């Protein structure tokens, strides 16, 4: 078992990495079907997306719902615990947009940070 000495260790273990915060950010705005993630997060591979979603589901932040239809439809949403992370995501989004403006960075499109 891993021993943590700060909340930052726990945070990085749960939400660290290249894609997890992006996955959580898009789920904070709406439920997302598997194929929609590829449009929202260009460059993510099927294996990485599957692994990241399984980890987030295992950590209790993401809910996976399978609809009984042909072909099967799978939709992801945030759990109540995942919803508690939304203010952190909004702060990260605001900070990133402010940083980009201060550095004159080009953004493909300005990401609107939700404040629910």
Protein backbone atom coordinates (compact mmCIF):
# COMPACT_ATOMS: atom_id res chain seq x y z
CA UNK A 1 0.00 0.00 0.00
CA UNK A 2 1.26 3.46 -0.92
CA UNK A 3 1.79 5.91 1.94
CA UNK A 4 0.98 9.53 1.20
CA UNK A 5 2.60 12.43 3.00
CA UNK A 6 0.43 15.22 1.51
CA UNK A 7 -2.89 15.72 -0.23
CA UNK A 8 -0.90 16.60 -3.35
CA UNK A 9 0.38 13.00 -3.53
CA UNK A 10 -3.20 11.74 -3.36
CA UNK A 11 -4.36 14.28 -5.96
CA UNK A 12 -1.56 13.37 -8.38
CA UNK A 13 -2.23 9.66 -7.94
CA UNK A 14 -5.93 10.09 -8.72
CA UNK A 15 -5.98 12.91 -11.31
CA UNK A 16 -2.38 13.18 -12.50
CA UNK A 17 -1.24 12.40 -15.98
CA UNK A 18 -1.78 13.87 -19.41
CA UNK A 19 -5.47 13.04 -19.95
CA UNK A 20 -7.36 12.51 -16.69
CA UNK A 21 -8.09 16.16 -15.93
CA UNK A 22 -9.25 16.72 -19.52
CA UNK A 23 -11.55 13.71 -19.29
CA UNK A 24 -12.96 15.00 -15.99
CA UNK A 25 -13.29 18.54 -17.38
CA UNK A 26 -15.41 17.44 -20.34
CA UNK A 27 -17.49 15.19 -18.10
CA UNK A 28 -18.09 18.18 -15.80
CA UNK A 29 -19.95 19.82 -18.67
CA UNK A 30 -22.05 16.85 -19.84
CA UNK A 31 -22.23 13.07 -20.10
CA UNK A 32 -19.97 11.82 -22.88
CA UNK A 33 -20.13 8.75 -25.10
CA UNK A 34 -16.91 6.87 -25.79
CA UNK A 35 -16.60 8.01 -29.42
CA UNK A 36 -17.18 11.65 -28.44
CA UNK A 37 -14.00 11.63 -26.35
CA UNK A 38 -11.97 11.23 -29.55
CA UNK A 39 -13.49 14.47 -30.91
CA UNK A 40 -13.01 16.31 -27.61
CA UNK A 41 -9.47 15.05 -26.98
CA UNK A 42 -7.62 14.69 -30.28
CA UNK A 43 -4.55 12.52 -29.96
CA UNK A 44 -5.80 10.21 -27.22
CA UNK A 45 -5.56 6.55 -28.19
CA UNK A 46 -8.24 3.94 -27.55
CA UNK A 47 -6.01 2.04 -25.10
CA UNK A 48 -5.12 5.14 -23.10
CA UNK A 49 -8.72 6.38 -23.02
CA UNK A 50 -9.96 2.98 -21.87
CA UNK A 51 -7.25 2.74 -19.19
CA UNK A 52 -7.84 6.28 -17.91
CA UNK A 53 -11.63 5.82 -17.76
CA UNK A 54 -11.23 2.50 -15.91
CA UNK A 55 -8.91 4.13 -13.38
CA UNK A 56 -11.25 7.09 -12.85
CA UNK A 57 -14.18 4.70 -12.49
CA UNK A 58 -12.20 2.59 -10.01
CA UNK A 59 -11.36 5.72 -8.00
CA UNK A 60 -15.06 6.55 -7.81
CA UNK A 61 -14.99 9.75 -9.90
CA UNK A 62 -16.64 8.45 -13.07
CA UNK A 63 -19.80 6.41 -13.65
CA UNK A 64 -20.06 4.14 -16.71
CA UNK A 65 -23.52 3.31 -18.03
CA UNK A 66 -24.15 0.72 -20.71
CA UNK A 67 -27.39 1.06 -22.67
CA UNK A 68 -28.92 -2.16 -23.97
CA UNK A 69 -29.17 -1.40 -27.65
CA UNK A 70 -27.49 -2.56 -30.85
CA UNK A 71 -24.76 -1.50 -31.18
CA UNK A 72 -24.26 -1.03 -27.42
CA UNK A 73 -24.05 2.57 -26.26
CA UNK A 74 -21.70 3.45 -23.40
CA UNK A 75 -21.94 6.80 -21.68
CA UNK A 76 -19.75 8.29 -18.96
CA UNK A 77 -20.67 10.87 -16.34
CA UNK A 78 -19.29 12.18 -13.08
CA UNK A 79 -20.27 10.58 -9.80
CA UNK A 80 -21.12 12.71 -6.79
CA UNK A 81 -17.47 12.44 -5.75
CA UNK A 82 -16.44 13.46 -9.27
CA UNK A 83 -18.77 16.48 -9.08
CA UNK A 84 -16.91 17.61 -5.95
CA UNK A 85 -13.81 17.97 -8.17
CA UNK A 86 -15.49 20.44 -10.57
CA UNK A 87 -14.40 23.60 -8.68
CA UNK A 88 -10.78 22.41 -8.95
CA UNK A 89 -11.20 21.84 -12.70
CA UNK A 90 -12.75 25.30 -13.14
CA UNK A 91 -9.86 26.91 -11.28
CA UNK A 92 -7.35 25.01 -13.43
CA UNK A 93 -9.18 26.07 -16.60
CA UNK A 94 -9.32 29.74 -15.55
CA UNK A 95 -5.64 29.72 -14.62
CA UNK A 96 -4.65 28.07 -17.92
CA UNK A 97 -6.62 30.61 -19.97
CA UNK A 98 -5.12 33.52 -17.97
CA UNK A 99 -1.63 32.09 -18.44
CA UNK A 100 -2.18 31.66 -22.18
CA UNK A 101 -3.33 35.28 -22.52
CA UNK A 102 -0.40 36.60 -20.46
CA UNK A 103 2.07 34.73 -22.68
CA UNK A 104 0.30 35.60 -25.94
CA UNK A 105 -0.22 31.92 -26.64
CA UNK A 106 -2.43 30.95 -29.54
CA UNK A 107 -5.30 28.68 -28.60
CA UNK A 108 -7.23 26.68 -31.17
CA UNK A 109 -10.38 27.74 -29.40
CA UNK A 110 -10.96 29.45 -26.09
CA UNK A 111 -12.21 26.90 -23.59
CA UNK A 112 -15.12 28.21 -21.58
CA UNK A 113 -14.70 27.26 -17.97
CA UNK A 114 -18.00 26.27 -16.41
CA UNK A 115 -18.89 27.69 -13.02
CA UNK A 116 -21.73 25.65 -11.60
